[in-house]
N, C-alpha and C. Protein backbone atom coordinates (compact mmCIF):
# COMPACT_ATOMS: atom_id res chain seq x y z
N MET A 1 -31.23 29.50 38.50
CA MET A 1 -32.24 29.29 39.51
C MET A 1 -32.87 30.48 39.99
N ILE A 2 -32.15 31.53 40.23
CA ILE A 2 -32.66 32.77 40.51
C ILE A 2 -33.69 33.41 39.64
N GLN A 3 -33.36 33.21 38.05
CA GLN A 3 -34.30 33.67 36.99
C GLN A 3 -35.56 32.98 37.27
N LYS A 4 -35.60 31.71 37.71
CA LYS A 4 -36.89 30.93 37.82
C LYS A 4 -37.68 31.48 38.86
N ILE A 5 -36.86 31.76 40.06
CA ILE A 5 -37.48 32.18 41.26
C ILE A 5 -38.29 33.62 40.93
N GLN A 6 -37.54 34.44 40.32
CA GLN A 6 -37.95 35.65 40.17
C GLN A 6 -39.36 35.72 39.11
N ASN A 7 -39.45 34.75 38.19
CA ASN A 7 -40.70 34.67 37.45
C ASN A 7 -41.84 34.00 38.06
N GLN A 8 -41.66 33.51 39.30
CA GLN A 8 -42.78 32.84 39.97
C GLN A 8 -43.37 33.74 40.86
N THR A 9 -44.67 33.88 40.92
CA THR A 9 -45.43 34.74 41.74
C THR A 9 -45.71 34.28 43.18
N HIS A 10 -45.69 32.95 43.28
CA HIS A 10 -46.10 32.51 44.71
C HIS A 10 -44.88 31.84 45.66
N ILE A 11 -43.69 32.67 45.47
CA ILE A 11 -42.59 32.02 46.14
C ILE A 11 -42.33 33.09 47.35
N HIS A 12 -41.90 32.45 48.49
CA HIS A 12 -41.81 33.27 49.85
C HIS A 12 -40.37 32.91 50.19
N LYS A 13 -39.72 34.02 50.41
CA LYS A 13 -38.34 34.07 50.97
C LYS A 13 -38.56 33.81 52.44
N ILE A 14 -37.84 32.74 53.02
CA ILE A 14 -38.06 32.46 54.54
C ILE A 14 -36.69 32.30 55.18
N GLY A 15 -35.61 32.56 54.46
CA GLY A 15 -34.55 32.76 55.42
C GLY A 15 -33.20 32.84 54.53
N ARG A 16 -32.21 32.56 55.27
CA ARG A 16 -30.84 32.39 54.50
C ARG A 16 -29.97 31.59 55.04
N LEU A 17 -29.21 30.73 54.08
CA LEU A 17 -28.19 29.94 54.58
C LEU A 17 -26.82 30.81 54.72
N SER A 18 -26.60 31.00 55.97
CA SER A 18 -25.39 31.82 56.38
C SER A 18 -24.07 31.39 55.69
N LEU A 19 -23.08 32.24 55.77
CA LEU A 19 -21.76 31.87 55.11
C LEU A 19 -21.19 30.93 55.94
N PRO A 20 -21.00 31.02 57.33
CA PRO A 20 -20.33 29.96 58.10
C PRO A 20 -21.05 28.48 57.99
N VAL A 21 -22.36 28.57 57.99
CA VAL A 21 -22.89 27.24 57.85
C VAL A 21 -22.77 26.80 56.37
N ALA A 22 -22.97 27.61 55.36
CA ALA A 22 -22.43 27.08 54.03
C ALA A 22 -21.21 26.61 53.68
N LYS A 23 -20.19 27.25 54.49
CA LYS A 23 -18.74 26.82 54.22
C LYS A 23 -18.68 25.41 54.96
N ALA A 24 -19.41 25.23 56.11
CA ALA A 24 -19.35 24.01 56.84
C ALA A 24 -19.86 22.79 56.06
N ILE A 25 -20.87 23.16 55.21
CA ILE A 25 -21.39 22.06 54.57
C ILE A 25 -20.99 22.08 52.97
N ARG A 26 -20.07 22.99 52.77
CA ARG A 26 -19.69 22.89 51.41
C ARG A 26 -20.69 23.44 50.35
N ARG A 27 -21.49 24.56 50.64
CA ARG A 27 -22.52 25.00 49.83
C ARG A 27 -22.20 26.43 49.77
N LYS A 28 -23.01 27.08 48.78
CA LYS A 28 -22.83 28.59 48.71
C LYS A 28 -23.95 29.15 49.74
N ALA A 29 -23.54 30.35 50.35
CA ALA A 29 -24.54 30.96 51.15
C ALA A 29 -25.71 31.60 50.13
N ALA A 30 -26.90 31.44 50.61
CA ALA A 30 -27.81 31.76 49.63
C ALA A 30 -29.30 31.99 50.35
N ASP A 31 -30.10 32.62 49.88
CA ASP A 31 -31.64 32.71 50.36
C ASP A 31 -32.22 31.49 50.18
N ILE A 32 -33.25 31.16 51.07
CA ILE A 32 -34.11 29.95 51.06
C ILE A 32 -35.54 30.35 50.88
N TYR A 33 -36.13 29.81 49.78
CA TYR A 33 -37.39 29.99 49.38
C TYR A 33 -38.21 28.84 49.56
N ILE A 34 -39.63 29.12 49.69
CA ILE A 34 -40.44 28.01 49.63
C ILE A 34 -41.57 28.31 48.65
N ASP A 35 -42.18 27.59 47.80
CA ASP A 35 -43.45 28.02 47.12
C ASP A 35 -44.73 27.55 47.63
N ASN A 36 -45.80 27.94 47.24
CA ASN A 36 -47.09 27.55 47.71
C ASN A 36 -47.44 26.16 47.60
N ASN A 37 -46.96 25.38 46.55
CA ASN A 37 -47.26 23.98 46.37
C ASN A 37 -46.61 23.09 47.59
N HIS A 38 -45.47 23.63 48.24
CA HIS A 38 -44.79 22.86 49.24
C HIS A 38 -45.51 23.39 50.55
N ILE A 39 -45.95 24.62 50.64
CA ILE A 39 -46.70 25.02 51.81
C ILE A 39 -48.03 24.28 51.95
N LYS A 40 -48.56 24.01 50.73
CA LYS A 40 -49.86 23.15 50.92
C LYS A 40 -49.58 21.77 51.16
N HIS A 41 -48.32 21.27 50.73
CA HIS A 41 -48.17 19.87 50.89
C HIS A 41 -47.97 19.76 52.51
N ILE A 42 -47.37 20.57 53.12
CA ILE A 42 -47.05 20.63 54.58
C ILE A 42 -48.20 20.56 55.21
N PHE A 43 -49.25 21.50 54.84
CA PHE A 43 -50.59 21.60 55.52
C PHE A 43 -51.18 20.35 55.57
N ASN A 44 -51.32 19.78 54.18
CA ASN A 44 -52.17 18.48 54.03
C ASN A 44 -51.53 17.27 54.76
N ARG A 45 -50.20 17.27 54.86
CA ARG A 45 -49.60 16.02 55.42
C ARG A 45 -49.49 16.16 56.90
N HIS A 46 -49.47 17.38 57.39
CA HIS A 46 -49.28 17.73 58.86
C HIS A 46 -50.23 18.66 59.64
N LYS A 47 -51.33 18.60 59.24
CA LYS A 47 -52.56 19.54 59.74
C LYS A 47 -52.63 19.22 61.34
N ALA A 48 -52.81 18.07 61.71
CA ALA A 48 -53.09 17.85 63.17
C ALA A 48 -51.78 18.29 64.06
N GLU A 49 -50.62 18.12 63.52
CA GLU A 49 -49.40 18.59 64.26
C GLU A 49 -49.35 20.20 64.25
N LEU A 50 -49.69 20.75 63.13
CA LEU A 50 -49.61 22.21 62.92
C LEU A 50 -50.65 22.72 64.17
N ALA A 51 -51.80 22.11 63.98
CA ALA A 51 -52.85 22.72 64.88
C ALA A 51 -52.52 22.65 66.36
N LYS A 52 -51.82 21.46 66.73
CA LYS A 52 -51.35 21.34 68.26
C LYS A 52 -50.32 22.32 68.59
N LEU A 53 -49.55 22.56 67.51
CA LEU A 53 -48.41 23.73 67.70
C LEU A 53 -48.86 25.25 67.54
N GLY A 54 -50.13 25.49 66.94
CA GLY A 54 -50.70 26.67 66.80
C GLY A 54 -49.86 27.47 65.77
N LEU A 55 -49.52 26.65 64.84
CA LEU A 55 -48.53 27.22 63.56
C LEU A 55 -49.31 27.07 62.24
N THR A 56 -49.00 27.87 61.32
CA THR A 56 -49.43 27.86 60.00
C THR A 56 -48.16 27.15 59.34
N PRO A 57 -48.29 26.61 58.22
CA PRO A 57 -47.27 25.77 57.59
C PRO A 57 -45.94 26.88 57.27
N LEU A 58 -46.39 28.09 56.90
CA LEU A 58 -45.19 29.12 56.60
C LEU A 58 -44.60 29.36 57.89
N MET A 59 -45.31 29.56 59.07
CA MET A 59 -44.67 29.76 60.37
C MET A 59 -43.76 28.58 60.70
N PHE A 60 -44.27 27.35 60.44
CA PHE A 60 -43.58 26.19 60.75
C PHE A 60 -42.28 26.20 60.12
N VAL A 61 -42.18 26.53 58.74
CA VAL A 61 -41.09 26.42 58.02
C VAL A 61 -40.30 27.51 58.55
N ASP A 62 -40.54 28.58 58.81
CA ASP A 62 -39.69 29.76 59.28
C ASP A 62 -38.95 29.47 60.53
N VAL A 63 -39.80 28.58 61.56
CA VAL A 63 -39.27 28.24 62.73
C VAL A 63 -37.95 27.29 62.53
N ILE A 64 -38.14 26.31 61.48
CA ILE A 64 -37.18 25.36 61.05
C ILE A 64 -35.85 26.07 60.38
N VAL A 65 -36.28 26.97 59.57
CA VAL A 65 -35.11 27.42 58.61
C VAL A 65 -34.31 28.67 59.53
N ASN A 66 -34.92 29.19 60.49
CA ASN A 66 -34.29 30.21 61.17
C ASN A 66 -33.87 29.56 62.50
N GLY A 67 -34.02 28.30 62.89
CA GLY A 67 -33.59 27.69 64.09
C GLY A 67 -33.16 26.40 64.03
N PHE A 68 -32.56 25.87 62.89
CA PHE A 68 -32.32 24.53 62.58
C PHE A 68 -31.07 24.31 63.34
N ASN A 69 -30.84 22.90 64.01
CA ASN A 69 -29.59 22.80 64.69
C ASN A 69 -29.02 21.24 64.06
N ARG A 70 -29.43 20.90 62.84
CA ARG A 70 -28.99 19.75 62.31
C ARG A 70 -29.07 19.94 60.90
N ILE A 71 -28.41 19.22 60.11
CA ILE A 71 -28.29 19.39 58.47
C ILE A 71 -27.93 18.02 58.18
N TYR A 72 -28.89 17.43 57.26
CA TYR A 72 -28.77 16.07 56.67
C TYR A 72 -28.59 16.34 55.06
N LYS A 73 -27.96 15.35 54.56
CA LYS A 73 -28.03 15.36 53.12
C LYS A 73 -28.72 14.22 52.59
N SER A 74 -29.58 14.37 51.31
CA SER A 74 -30.26 13.40 50.95
C SER A 74 -29.32 12.30 50.28
N ASN A 75 -29.80 11.01 50.45
CA ASN A 75 -29.08 10.05 49.90
C ASN A 75 -29.35 9.97 48.45
N ASN A 76 -30.45 10.42 47.80
CA ASN A 76 -30.83 10.24 46.47
C ASN A 76 -30.53 11.51 45.75
N SER A 77 -30.30 12.69 46.27
CA SER A 77 -30.06 13.80 45.44
C SER A 77 -28.93 14.65 46.16
N ASP A 78 -28.95 15.76 45.61
CA ASP A 78 -27.91 16.86 46.24
C ASP A 78 -28.59 17.61 47.16
N SER A 79 -29.95 17.43 47.55
CA SER A 79 -30.50 18.20 48.52
C SER A 79 -30.04 18.11 49.93
N ILE A 80 -30.32 19.15 50.49
CA ILE A 80 -30.23 19.00 52.24
C ILE A 80 -31.18 19.29 52.98
N PHE A 81 -31.38 18.79 54.10
CA PHE A 81 -32.63 18.87 54.94
C PHE A 81 -32.15 19.65 56.21
N LEU A 82 -32.95 20.64 56.50
CA LEU A 82 -32.67 21.43 57.68
C LEU A 82 -33.49 20.92 58.87
N VAL A 83 -33.09 20.65 59.99
CA VAL A 83 -33.99 20.03 60.92
C VAL A 83 -33.63 20.78 62.35
N LYS A 84 -34.86 20.97 63.11
CA LYS A 84 -34.73 21.52 64.38
C LYS A 84 -35.16 20.32 65.35
N TRP A 85 -34.07 19.87 66.01
CA TRP A 85 -34.17 18.66 66.79
C TRP A 85 -34.59 19.08 68.23
N ILE A 86 -35.59 18.53 68.88
CA ILE A 86 -36.02 19.01 70.17
C ILE A 86 -36.15 17.72 70.98
N ASN A 87 -35.44 17.56 72.10
CA ASN A 87 -35.58 16.42 72.91
C ASN A 87 -36.73 16.69 73.86
N ILE A 88 -37.65 15.90 73.86
CA ILE A 88 -38.91 15.90 74.73
C ILE A 88 -38.98 14.73 75.75
């Protein structure tokens, strides 16, 4: 996986899954990356919400990755979802 990331030119490092969190969810501590295609997807799907928050897609992802307070596992894959839950 690291080799693939190093060969791509439009990858952004946005955070790191810390060792305590990684141990708690039985994963390895690792850097977290996002590519431009996912940034474009976030912008296209959530343009209005981002505008209300005054955030770019990359800023939004940074807020989640560096301030999440819940983690969910996908039912269909080995993926995990980092979530910043806010009670309004």
